[in-house]
Amino acid sequence: MEAKELKRLPVGIQTYENLINEGCLYVDKTEYIHKMVTLSKYIFLSRPRRFGKSLLVSTLAAYFEGKRHLFKGTYIDGVEKDWTEYPVLRFDMSLAKHRNTEDLPRYLLFIIERNEKKFGLTSDITDPNLRLTNLIQSAYEQTGKQVVVLIDEYDAPLLDVAHEKTQLDDLRQIMRNFYSPLKACDNFLKFVFITGITKFSQLSIFSELNNLKNISMNPEFAAVCGISEEEIETQMSDYLDNFASNLNTTREEAMKRLKRQYDGYHFAWPSPDIFNPFSLLNAFQDNKLNSYWFESGTPTFLIEMMRKFNVIPSMLKPSELIAPAFDAPTENMTSIMPLLYQSGYFTIKGYDVISDIYTLDIPNNEIRIGLMVSLLPNYITIDSYKGLTTIAHMYRALYNDDLDEMLRLLQTYLLTIPQCDNTNYEGHYQQMLYVIFSLLGRYVDVEVRTPKGRVDMVMNSGKALYLFELKLNKSAEAAMNQINLKDYPSRFALTGLPVIKVGINFNSETHTIEDWIIDDK
């Protein structure tokens, strides 16, 4: 059967008009736009990076500019009767990253000037706050129509300093002043839409804009960004077939692989499963299941915040969070979980309406592996290619049920690399193994309770359950004796998997495994 000719995938295209004019695939989100503009005059949406926020802003701009010809065949084309052209002001704050208190006001004046040129306006006002006010009023007076303001990545100037109180306070004050005209100019405004990664209350810069409607966790808008499974099965059906064909597998199996790698996001509860759009589109384009989202960069602010909260790898597992915690100001946060959620590294997996408690967890395999790769240098200073190659060999050994070979590979590798500081305690090696076993794609947990104690580490390979007891400067025999003395295996007798006991002893001088014992009896 002859393959269908598919539209170009919009990888890297964030402008709606360009996407349509170049004949690219557009997954229709205009029903959400229609809901938004009828819901409130002021809308806020929080979503992770590369989740389609900029494209949504661009689509809103085209809609409010009255460009109906760009929406032929979409939902909104069938329901919208009044295609009025409004003056639209767009502010992209993504280029305001890494700016100090002198640079930031200059950038704000620059993006205001770019909007002024659209209306043939000039101004010599040097205060961004006053100049934005003048721009809104002038655009209203020139066109006779209320103004639409679209702000993309509103929090970009603040994220990299979220862990530094002094800098955060200074930059936050600048941004608070810049955004204040959005309330003062209410009579001149038709619609205001603001996007970002963090929820606005966390950075406390919209305190005056108390009528801002936050739809970030509204179930009605759960799929406004990202791609749902239903959208893949309908609007992207031919691309799924093409992907399956190139992987030489069935459509059903291809969908399962895509779900494991890129699906699992929920930004509200209830919510459909949402795929990471950046990764999904790249996978369809390349016909590969690579880690596209993580390869595009890990935000510096997140790594800094993880250090601030002393996050260790084994803490990255299902966690509970009460609803008010999502809105805690950054400087008052007692947990990094809200930021991990809003940044896309954790997502909602459940909600209890009685207690108002959310259950959060890592959404998919791409994020789990990417997080562990990011954390690995905290435990062993590695040549990334050599380290990940060794882990690939370890994966093959474990796949072949050869744990002895896997540990030998790790022992040899640890002898060849410089070590991080503060390795003279057992917990360091426990966390190191947690990261490595997670990179092997296996379920792993630490400090697992039993009737007589706690198992240092439990790993499920899919074929067997491995119980690890770790010692430092003692012996593998001492570790195995503890497993037997406290009868750890009995806790797992009903799992249906063979239980394999593993005692490992590390040497603090060589910083590697001294000896080990494996017992499958």
Protein backbone atom coordinates (compact mmCIF):
# COMPACT_ATOMS: atom_id res chain seq x y z
CA MET A 1 0.00 0.00 0.00
CA GLU A 2 1.34 3.40 -0.96
CA ALA A 3 2.24 5.60 2.04
CA LYS A 4 0.14 8.70 2.61
CA GLU A 5 1.74 12.08 2.11
CA LEU A 6 1.76 13.74 5.50
CA LYS A 7 1.85 17.42 6.34
CA ARG A 8 5.11 18.72 7.72
CA LEU A 9 5.37 18.46 11.50
CA PRO A 10 5.72 21.90 13.16
CA VAL A 11 8.95 21.09 15.02
CA GLY A 12 10.50 24.35 16.17
CA ILE A 13 7.66 26.53 14.83
CA GLN A 14 6.05 28.69 17.51
CA THR A 15 4.20 31.18 15.29
CA TYR A 16 0.68 30.14 14.36
CA GLU A 17 0.57 32.18 11.15
CA ASN A 18 3.82 30.63 9.89
CA LEU A 19 2.62 27.17 10.84
CA ILE A 20 -0.57 27.56 8.76
CA ASN A 21 1.07 29.35 5.82
CA GLU A 22 3.76 26.67 5.56
CA GLY A 23 1.14 23.91 5.48
CA CYS A 24 2.18 22.26 8.73
CA LEU A 25 0.08 20.02 10.93
CA TYR A 26 -1.94 21.94 13.52
CA VAL A 27 -3.53 20.08 16.41
CA ASP A 28 -6.67 22.15 16.87
CA LYS A 29 -6.73 23.90 20.27
CA THR A 30 -9.11 26.69 19.26
CA GLU A 31 -11.98 25.30 21.31
CA TYR A 32 -9.95 26.21 24.39
CA ILE A 33 -9.35 29.70 23.01
CA HIS A 34 -13.10 30.17 22.59
CA LYS A 35 -13.64 29.02 26.18
CA MET A 36 -10.93 31.34 27.50
CA VAL A 37 -12.14 34.53 25.86
CA THR A 38 -15.67 33.92 27.13
CA LEU A 39 -14.53 32.93 30.64
CA SER A 40 -12.65 36.00 31.84
CA LYS A 41 -10.94 39.19 30.71
CA TYR A 42 -7.72 38.27 32.54
CA ILE A 43 -6.34 34.73 32.15
CA PHE A 44 -3.20 33.10 33.55
CA LEU A 45 -1.79 29.71 32.49
CA SER A 46 1.17 27.86 33.97
CA ARG A 47 2.79 25.06 31.98
CA PRO A 48 6.32 23.58 31.70
CA ARG A 49 8.78 24.80 29.10
CA ARG A 50 8.32 23.58 25.52
CA PHE A 51 4.70 22.63 26.11
CA GLY A 52 3.19 24.90 23.45
CA LYS A 53 2.63 28.08 25.47
CA SER A 54 4.25 30.32 22.86
CA LEU A 55 2.23 28.76 20.05
CA LEU A 56 -0.93 29.30 22.09
CA VAL A 57 -0.01 32.98 22.59
CA SER A 58 0.63 33.32 18.85
CA THR A 59 -2.72 31.67 18.05
CA LEU A 60 -4.49 34.11 20.36
CA ALA A 61 -2.74 36.99 18.60
CA ALA A 62 -3.93 35.81 15.18
CA TYR A 63 -7.46 35.37 16.52
CA PHE A 64 -7.66 38.85 18.03
CA GLU A 65 -6.10 40.38 14.93
CA GLY A 66 -9.14 39.07 13.06
CA LYS A 67 -7.21 36.76 10.70
CA ARG A 68 -10.08 34.39 10.05
CA HIS A 69 -8.46 32.95 6.91
CA LEU A 70 -5.83 31.29 9.14
CA PHE A 71 -8.48 29.36 11.06
CA LYS A 72 -10.29 27.66 8.19
CA GLY A 73 -11.53 24.25 9.31
CA THR A 74 -10.83 24.78 13.00
CA TYR A 75 -13.36 24.66 15.82
CA ILE A 76 -13.41 28.41 16.33
CA ASP A 77 -14.09 29.07 12.64
CA GLY A 78 -17.41 27.33 13.06
CA VAL A 79 -18.56 29.11 16.22
CA GLU A 80 -17.08 32.63 16.03
CA LYS A 81 -19.31 35.14 14.25
CA ASP A 82 -17.57 38.40 15.13
CA TRP A 83 -13.99 38.47 13.77
CA THR A 84 -13.13 41.95 14.99
CA GLU A 85 -9.55 43.20 14.60
CA TYR A 86 -8.16 44.47 17.91
CA PRO A 87 -4.80 46.13 18.63
CA VAL A 88 -2.58 43.35 20.01
CA LEU A 89 0.51 43.90 22.19
CA ARG A 90 2.82 40.92 22.59
CA PHE A 91 5.61 40.70 25.15
CA ASP A 92 8.05 37.79 24.99
CA MET A 93 9.95 37.71 28.27
CA SER A 94 12.06 34.66 27.39
CA LEU A 95 14.99 36.86 26.35
CA ALA A 96 14.93 38.63 29.72
CA LYS A 97 16.76 35.76 31.41
CA HIS A 98 20.11 36.33 33.15
CA ARG A 99 19.63 40.11 33.38
CA ASN A 100 20.52 42.30 36.34
CA THR A 101 18.71 45.34 37.74
CA GLU A 102 20.30 47.58 35.09
CA ASP A 103 19.80 45.33 32.06
CA LEU A 104 16.22 44.31 32.79
CA PRO A 105 14.64 47.80 32.50
CA ARG A 106 16.51 48.30 29.21
CA TYR A 107 15.06 45.07 27.84
CA LEU A 108 11.57 46.08 28.95
CA LEU A 109 11.92 49.38 27.09
CA PHE A 110 13.16 47.47 24.03
CA ILE A 111 10.13 45.18 23.83
CA ILE A 112 7.79 48.11 24.45
CA GLU A 113 9.43 50.01 21.58
CA ARG A 114 8.92 47.03 19.25
CA ASN A 115 5.19 47.15 20.01
CA GLU A 116 5.11 50.93 19.57
CA LYS A 117 6.46 50.57 16.02
CA LYS A 118 3.44 48.44 15.08
CA PHE A 119 1.30 51.53 15.60
CA GLY A 120 3.77 54.11 14.34
CA LEU A 121 4.29 55.42 17.85
CA THR A 122 7.42 56.90 19.41
CA SER A 123 8.15 57.85 22.99
CA ASP A 124 11.03 59.19 25.06
CA ILE A 125 9.64 57.94 28.39
CA THR A 126 12.39 56.01 30.21
CA ASP A 127 10.23 54.42 32.93
CA PRO A 128 8.93 51.02 31.63
CA ASN A 129 5.84 51.29 33.82
CA LEU A 130 4.80 54.70 32.47
CA ARG A 131 5.78 53.82 28.92
CA LEU A 132 3.63 50.69 28.91
CA THR A 133 0.72 52.72 30.25
CA ASN A 134 1.23 55.27 27.48
CA LEU A 135 1.43 52.52 24.84
CA ILE A 136 -1.85 50.90 25.92
CA GLN A 137 -3.71 54.21 26.01
CA SER A 138 -2.21 55.38 22.70
CA ALA A 139 -3.10 52.11 20.92
CA TYR A 140 -6.65 52.43 22.24
CA GLU A 141 -6.96 56.07 21.12
CA GLN A 142 -5.47 55.37 17.68
CA THR A 143 -7.69 52.38 16.85
CA GLY A 144 -10.78 53.19 18.89
CA LYS A 145 -10.77 49.61 20.17
CA GLN A 146 -9.76 48.02 23.42
CA VAL A 147 -6.27 46.51 23.53
CA VAL A 148 -5.26 42.85 23.83
CA VAL A 149 -2.10 42.18 25.90
CA LEU A 150 -0.33 38.82 25.58
CA ILE A 151 2.65 38.09 27.86
CA ASP A 152 4.71 34.95 27.23
CA GLU A 153 7.05 33.49 29.89
CA TYR A 154 6.27 36.26 32.36
CA ASP A 155 8.57 34.71 35.00
CA ALA A 156 11.68 34.21 32.82
CA PRO A 157 13.59 37.15 34.37
CA LEU A 158 13.13 35.67 37.86
CA LEU A 159 13.54 31.90 37.59
CA ASP A 160 17.34 31.75 37.57
CA VAL A 161 17.50 33.81 40.79
CA ALA A 162 14.59 32.13 42.60
CA HIS A 163 17.10 30.72 45.11
CA GLU A 164 18.79 34.10 45.74
CA LYS A 165 16.60 36.28 47.94
CA THR A 166 18.30 39.67 47.39
CA GLN A 167 18.43 39.42 43.61
CA LEU A 168 14.95 37.93 43.45
CA ASP A 169 13.48 40.80 45.49
CA ASP A 170 15.15 43.48 43.34
CA LEU A 171 14.13 41.95 40.00
CA ARG A 172 10.68 41.09 41.26
CA GLN A 173 10.06 44.74 42.16
CA ILE A 174 11.00 45.80 38.63
CA MET A 175 8.60 43.25 37.12
CA ARG A 176 5.84 44.11 39.59
CA ASN A 177 6.06 47.77 38.50
CA PHE A 178 6.12 46.79 34.83
CA TYR A 179 2.95 44.70 35.07
CA SER A 180 1.01 47.16 37.27
CA PRO A 181 -0.56 49.05 34.27
CA LEU A 182 -2.58 45.91 33.52
CA LYS A 183 -4.87 46.91 36.38
CA ALA A 184 -4.63 50.68 35.99
CA CYS A 185 -5.57 50.48 32.29
CA ASP A 186 -8.56 48.19 32.76
CA ASN A 187 -10.89 50.48 30.76
CA PHE A 188 -8.57 50.29 27.74
CA LEU A 189 -8.13 46.51 27.77
CA LYS A 190 -10.11 43.84 25.92
CA PHE A 191 -8.23 40.73 27.01
CA VAL A 192 -5.02 39.90 28.92
CA PHE A 193 -3.33 36.49 28.71
CA ILE A 194 -0.21 35.63 30.73
CA THR A 195 1.84 32.43 30.58
CA GLY A 196 4.76 31.15 32.60
CA ILE A 197 6.25 28.13 34.31
CA THR A 198 5.60 29.05 37.93
CA LYS A 199 2.19 30.03 39.22
CA PHE A 200 1.96 33.77 39.61
CA SER A 201 1.37 33.74 43.35
CA GLN A 202 4.74 32.08 43.91
CA LEU A 203 6.63 35.09 42.59
CA SER A 204 4.22 37.62 44.07
CA ILE A 205 4.31 40.10 41.18
CA PHE A 206 0.59 40.28 40.39
CA SER A 207 -0.57 41.18 43.87
CA GLU A 208 -2.52 44.16 42.53
CA LEU A 209 -4.12 42.21 39.69
CA ASN A 210 -6.62 40.41 41.90
CA ASN A 211 -9.01 39.62 39.04
CA LEU A 212 -6.53 37.39 37.20
CA LYS A 213 -8.25 34.05 36.48
CA ASN A 214 -5.82 31.16 36.93
CA ILE A 215 -6.79 28.21 34.70
CA SER A 216 -3.59 26.23 35.30
CA MET A 217 -5.30 23.49 37.34
CA ASN A 218 -8.78 23.83 35.88
CA PRO A 219 -9.91 20.42 34.50
CA GLU A 220 -11.72 22.20 31.66
CA PHE A 221 -8.34 23.40 30.35
CA ALA A 222 -6.24 20.35 31.24
CA ALA A 223 -5.37 19.69 27.57
CA VAL A 224 -5.00 23.30 26.38
CA CYS A 225 -1.25 22.64 25.96
CA GLY A 226 0.37 19.32 25.13
CA ILE A 227 -1.23 16.55 23.06
CA SER A 228 -3.82 14.11 24.36
CA GLU A 229 -4.07 10.45 23.38
CA GLU A 230 -7.41 11.22 21.71
CA GLU A 231 -5.74 13.90 19.57
CA ILE A 232 -3.08 11.41 18.50
CA GLU A 233 -5.70 8.79 17.60
CA THR A 234 -7.71 11.32 15.55
CA GLN A 235 -5.79 14.36 14.32
CA MET A 236 -2.40 12.55 14.24
CA SER A 237 -3.57 9.06 13.30
CA ASP A 238 -1.55 8.85 10.08
CA TYR A 239 1.61 9.95 11.89
CA LEU A 240 1.12 7.16 14.44
CA ASP A 241 0.76 4.63 11.62
CA ASN A 242 3.92 5.98 9.97
CA PHE A 243 5.82 5.80 13.27
CA ALA A 244 4.71 2.19 13.85
CA SER A 245 5.69 1.22 10.31
CA ASN A 246 9.18 2.69 10.70
CA LEU A 247 9.65 0.86 14.00
CA ASN A 248 8.39 -2.33 12.35
CA THR A 249 5.73 -2.83 14.98
CA THR A 250 1.98 -2.60 15.37
CA ARG A 251 0.06 0.61 15.92
CA GLU A 252 -0.94 -0.58 19.39
CA GLU A 253 2.63 -1.41 20.41
CA ALA A 254 3.89 1.91 19.02
CA MET A 255 1.34 3.76 21.15
CA LYS A 256 2.43 1.81 24.24
CA ARG A 257 6.05 2.80 23.67
CA LEU A 258 5.13 6.44 23.14
CA LYS A 259 3.05 6.44 26.32
CA ARG A 260 5.87 4.98 28.42
CA GLN A 261 8.32 7.56 27.08
CA TYR A 262 6.34 10.81 26.76
CA ASP A 263 2.85 10.46 28.26
CA GLY A 264 1.51 10.65 31.80
CA TYR A 265 1.13 14.40 32.40
CA HIS A 266 -1.90 15.68 34.30
CA PHE A 267 -2.22 19.38 35.05
CA ALA A 268 -5.56 19.02 36.83
CA TRP A 269 -7.70 16.25 38.25
CA PRO A 270 -9.53 14.73 36.52
CA SER A 271 -7.48 15.09 33.36
CA PRO A 272 -6.78 13.13 30.20
CA ASP A 273 -3.26 11.77 29.80
CA ILE A 274 -1.15 14.47 28.13
CA PHE A 275 1.93 13.80 25.99
CA ASN A 276 4.92 16.13 25.98
CA PRO A 277 4.35 17.85 22.58
CA PHE A 278 8.00 18.73 21.94
CA SER A 279 9.19 15.15 22.43
CA LEU A 280 6.23 13.59 20.61
CA LEU A 281 6.62 15.72 17.48
CA ASN A 282 10.37 15.06 17.37
CA ALA A 283 9.79 11.33 17.82
CA PHE A 284 7.33 11.30 14.90
CA GLN A 285 9.77 13.30 12.79
CA ASP A 286 12.82 11.12 13.56
CA ASN A 287 11.00 7.82 14.12
CA LYS A 288 13.00 7.37 17.33
CA LEU A 289 12.23 7.37 21.06
CA ASN A 290 14.94 9.78 22.16
CA SER A 291 14.98 12.05 25.21
CA TYR A 292 14.23 15.23 23.27
CA TRP A 293 12.85 17.38 26.10
CA PHE A 294 15.78 16.76 28.41
CA GLU A 295 18.30 17.21 25.61
CA SER A 296 16.88 20.70 25.09
CA GLY A 297 18.18 21.73 28.52
CA THR A 298 17.60 21.43 32.26
CA PRO A 299 16.77 24.79 33.85
CA THR A 300 19.57 26.07 36.10
CA PHE A 301 17.09 27.37 38.64
CA LEU A 302 15.70 23.87 39.21
CA ILE A 303 19.10 22.33 39.95
CA GLU A 304 19.86 25.21 42.34
CA MET A 305 16.53 24.80 44.10
CA MET A 306 17.10 21.05 44.45
CA ARG A 307 20.39 21.82 46.19
CA LYS A 308 18.69 24.40 48.39
CA PHE A 309 16.14 21.82 49.56
CA ASN A 310 18.78 19.06 49.86
CA VAL A 311 16.93 16.82 47.43
CA ILE A 312 18.51 13.38 47.13
CA PRO A 313 17.60 10.99 44.29
CA SER A 314 15.56 8.59 46.40
CA MET A 315 13.25 11.47 47.36
CA LEU A 316 12.07 11.63 43.73
CA LYS A 317 9.20 9.19 44.20
CA PRO A 318 5.43 9.47 44.72
CA SER A 319 4.69 12.31 47.13
CA GLU A 320 1.60 13.92 48.60
CA LEU A 321 0.94 17.65 48.52
CA ILE A 322 -1.96 19.65 49.91
CA ALA A 323 -3.61 22.02 47.45
CA PRO A 324 -2.54 25.30 49.18
CA ALA A 325 1.14 24.29 48.81
CA PHE A 326 0.94 24.93 45.07
CA ASP A 327 0.45 28.63 45.82
CA ALA A 328 3.13 29.13 48.48
CA PRO A 329 5.43 32.11 47.71
CA THR A 330 8.85 30.90 46.58
CA GLU A 331 10.72 32.26 49.61
CA ASN A 332 8.26 30.52 51.98
CA MET A 333 8.25 27.12 50.29
CA THR A 334 9.09 24.19 52.57
CA SER A 335 9.16 21.65 49.73
CA ILE A 336 10.51 21.71 46.20
CA MET A 337 7.56 19.62 44.99
CA PRO A 338 5.46 22.56 43.66
CA LEU A 339 8.38 23.69 41.48
CA LEU A 340 9.09 20.14 40.30
CA TYR A 341 5.42 19.90 39.32
CA GLN A 342 5.22 23.24 37.51
CA SER A 343 8.54 22.61 35.75
CA GLY A 344 7.23 19.33 34.31
CA TYR A 345 9.42 16.92 36.29
CA PHE A 346 6.53 15.74 38.44
CA THR A 347 2.86 15.61 37.59
CA ILE A 348 -0.47 14.88 39.24
CA LYS A 349 -1.20 11.16 39.52
CA GLY A 350 -4.18 11.29 41.86
CA TYR A 351 -6.36 13.51 44.01
CA ASP A 352 -8.37 12.90 47.17
CA VAL A 353 -11.31 15.30 47.28
CA ILE A 354 -12.00 14.73 50.99
CA SER A 355 -8.52 15.66 52.22
CA ASP A 356 -7.70 17.97 49.29
CA ILE A 357 -4.42 16.11 48.82
CA TYR A 358 -2.71 15.57 45.45
CA THR A 359 -0.42 12.62 44.71
CA LEU A 360 2.52 13.62 42.53
CA ASP A 361 5.05 11.46 40.69
CA ILE A 362 7.46 11.50 37.74
CA PRO A 363 5.30 11.40 34.59
CA ASN A 364 7.21 9.08 32.27
CA ASN A 365 10.44 7.29 31.41
CA GLU A 366 12.02 10.26 29.60
CA ILE A 367 11.80 12.42 32.72
CA ARG A 368 12.91 9.68 35.12
CA ILE A 369 16.04 8.91 33.11
CA GLY A 370 16.79 12.58 32.46
CA LEU A 371 16.54 13.48 36.14
CA MET A 372 18.89 10.69 37.13
CA VAL A 373 21.43 11.68 34.45
CA SER A 374 21.31 15.24 35.82
CA LEU A 375 21.87 14.03 39.39
CA LEU A 376 24.58 11.44 38.69
CA PRO A 377 27.47 13.98 38.73
CA ASN A 378 26.57 14.75 42.37
CA TYR A 379 27.74 11.23 43.26
CA ILE A 380 30.47 10.45 40.75
CA THR A 381 32.33 12.96 38.63
CA ILE A 382 31.98 11.35 35.24
CA ASP A 383 33.02 11.50 31.65
CA SER A 384 29.37 11.41 30.56
CA TYR A 385 29.97 9.27 27.47
CA LYS A 386 32.12 6.73 29.31
CA GLY A 387 29.76 6.65 32.27
CA LEU A 388 26.61 6.17 30.23
CA THR A 389 28.34 3.57 28.05
CA THR A 390 29.24 1.61 31.18
CA ILE A 391 25.64 1.86 32.37
CA ALA A 392 24.51 0.54 28.97
CA HIS A 393 26.76 -2.50 29.45
CA MET A 394 25.34 -2.90 32.95
CA TYR A 395 21.85 -2.83 31.47
CA ARG A 396 22.77 -5.66 29.13
CA ALA A 397 24.21 -7.70 32.00
CA LEU A 398 21.10 -7.21 34.11
CA TYR A 399 18.89 -8.02 31.12
CA ASN A 400 20.76 -11.34 30.91
CA ASP A 401 20.22 -11.94 34.66
CA ASP A 402 23.98 -11.60 35.23
CA LEU A 403 24.09 -9.43 38.36
CA ASP A 404 27.64 -10.60 39.07
CA GLU A 405 28.84 -9.14 35.76
CA MET A 406 26.86 -5.94 36.36
CA LEU A 407 28.56 -5.36 39.72
CA ARG A 408 31.96 -6.18 38.26
CA LEU A 409 31.44 -3.52 35.58
CA LEU A 410 30.47 -1.00 38.23
CA GLN A 411 33.43 -1.93 40.43
CA THR A 412 35.89 -1.45 37.56
CA TYR A 413 34.30 1.80 36.43
CA LEU A 414 34.34 3.39 39.89
CA LEU A 415 38.09 2.72 40.11
CA THR A 416 38.75 4.85 37.01
CA ILE A 417 37.07 8.10 37.94
CA PRO A 418 37.71 11.00 40.32
CA GLN A 419 35.26 11.06 43.20
CA CYS A 420 33.07 13.74 44.69
CA ASP A 421 33.69 15.05 48.20
CA ASN A 422 31.94 13.66 51.27
CA THR A 423 31.86 10.02 50.16
CA ASN A 424 32.87 8.56 53.51
CA TYR A 425 29.40 7.47 54.53
CA GLU A 426 27.11 4.64 53.51
CA GLY A 427 24.26 6.89 52.35
CA HIS A 428 26.39 8.28 49.52
CA TYR A 429 26.75 4.85 47.96
CA GLN A 430 23.09 4.07 48.53
CA GLN A 431 22.04 7.16 46.56
CA MET A 432 24.65 6.47 43.87
CA LEU A 433 23.25 2.98 43.32
CA TYR A 434 19.71 4.38 43.35
CA VAL A 435 20.60 6.72 40.46
CA ILE A 436 22.41 4.02 38.48
CA PHE A 437 19.67 1.41 38.93
CA SER A 438 17.08 4.01 37.93
CA LEU A 439 19.09 4.68 34.77
CA LEU A 440 18.86 0.97 34.06
CA GLY A 441 15.11 1.53 33.78
CA ARG A 442 14.28 -0.60 36.80
CA TYR A 443 11.96 0.11 39.70
CA VAL A 444 14.08 0.81 42.76
CA ASP A 445 13.31 1.97 46.30
CA VAL A 446 15.39 2.59 49.41
CA GLU A 447 14.86 2.01 53.12
CA VAL A 448 12.00 -0.40 52.50
CA ARG A 449 10.35 -1.38 55.79
CA THR A 450 10.07 -4.99 56.91
CA PRO A 451 8.81 -6.44 60.25
CA LYS A 452 12.40 -6.54 61.60
CA GLY A 453 14.07 -3.57 59.98
CA ARG A 454 14.66 -1.80 56.69
CA VAL A 455 16.19 -3.10 53.48
CA ASP A 456 18.78 -0.64 52.17
CA MET A 457 17.55 -1.04 48.61
CA VAL A 458 15.04 -3.09 46.63
CA MET A 459 15.21 -3.42 42.84
CA ASN A 460 12.58 -5.07 40.64
CA SER A 461 14.11 -6.22 37.35
CA GLY A 462 10.82 -7.59 36.06
CA LYS A 463 12.19 -11.10 36.39
CA ALA A 464 13.35 -11.03 40.01
CA LEU A 465 13.34 -8.94 43.17
CA TYR A 466 16.81 -7.99 44.39
CA LEU A 467 17.31 -7.10 48.07
CA PHE A 468 20.51 -5.11 48.66
CA GLU A 469 22.21 -4.57 51.99
CA LEU A 470 25.15 -2.14 51.82
CA LYS A 471 28.13 -1.84 54.13
CA LEU A 472 31.11 0.52 54.24
CA ASN A 473 34.54 -0.75 55.31
CA LYS A 474 33.10 -3.99 56.65
CA SER A 475 32.38 -7.05 54.48
CA ALA A 476 29.84 -8.44 52.05
CA GLU A 477 29.44 -11.35 54.48
CA ALA A 478 28.37 -8.93 57.23
CA ALA A 479 25.78 -7.46 54.84
CA MET A 480 24.45 -10.91 53.95
CA ASN A 481 24.30 -11.91 57.60
CA GLN A 482 22.07 -8.92 58.32
CA ILE A 483 19.71 -9.87 55.49
CA ASN A 484 19.40 -13.40 56.90
CA LEU A 485 19.26 -12.39 60.56
CA LYS A 486 16.37 -9.98 59.95
CA ASP A 487 14.72 -12.32 57.43
CA TYR A 488 14.15 -9.55 54.87
CA PRO A 489 12.95 -11.97 52.12
CA SER A 490 9.81 -12.96 54.04
CA ARG A 491 8.44 -9.44 53.57
CA PHE A 492 8.35 -10.07 49.79
CA ALA A 493 7.16 -13.69 49.72
CA LEU A 494 3.86 -12.83 48.03
CA THR A 495 5.27 -10.74 45.17
CA GLY A 496 5.31 -13.70 42.81
CA LEU A 497 8.95 -13.01 41.88
CA PRO A 498 12.11 -14.89 42.89
CA VAL A 499 13.88 -13.03 45.71
CA ILE A 500 17.66 -12.64 45.34
CA LYS A 501 19.75 -11.43 48.28
CA VAL A 502 22.77 -9.20 47.57
CA GLY A 503 25.34 -8.08 50.14
CA ILE A 504 27.74 -5.35 49.00
CA ASN A 505 30.69 -3.81 50.84
CA PHE A 506 32.26 -0.52 49.72
CA ASN A 507 35.80 0.65 50.51
CA SER A 508 36.10 4.32 51.52
CA GLU A 509 39.75 4.50 50.39
CA THR A 510 39.27 3.11 46.88
CA HIS A 511 35.71 4.54 46.60
CA THR A 512 34.47 1.41 44.90
CA ILE A 513 32.98 -2.01 45.67
CA GLU A 514 35.32 -4.14 47.79
CA ASP A 515 33.36 -7.39 47.60
CA TRP A 516 29.86 -8.75 47.15
CA ILE A 517 27.81 -11.89 47.70
CA ILE A 518 24.74 -12.94 45.67
CA ASP A 519 22.41 -15.57 47.12
CA ASP A 520 19.30 -16.73 45.26
CA LYS A 521 18.34 -19.41 47.80
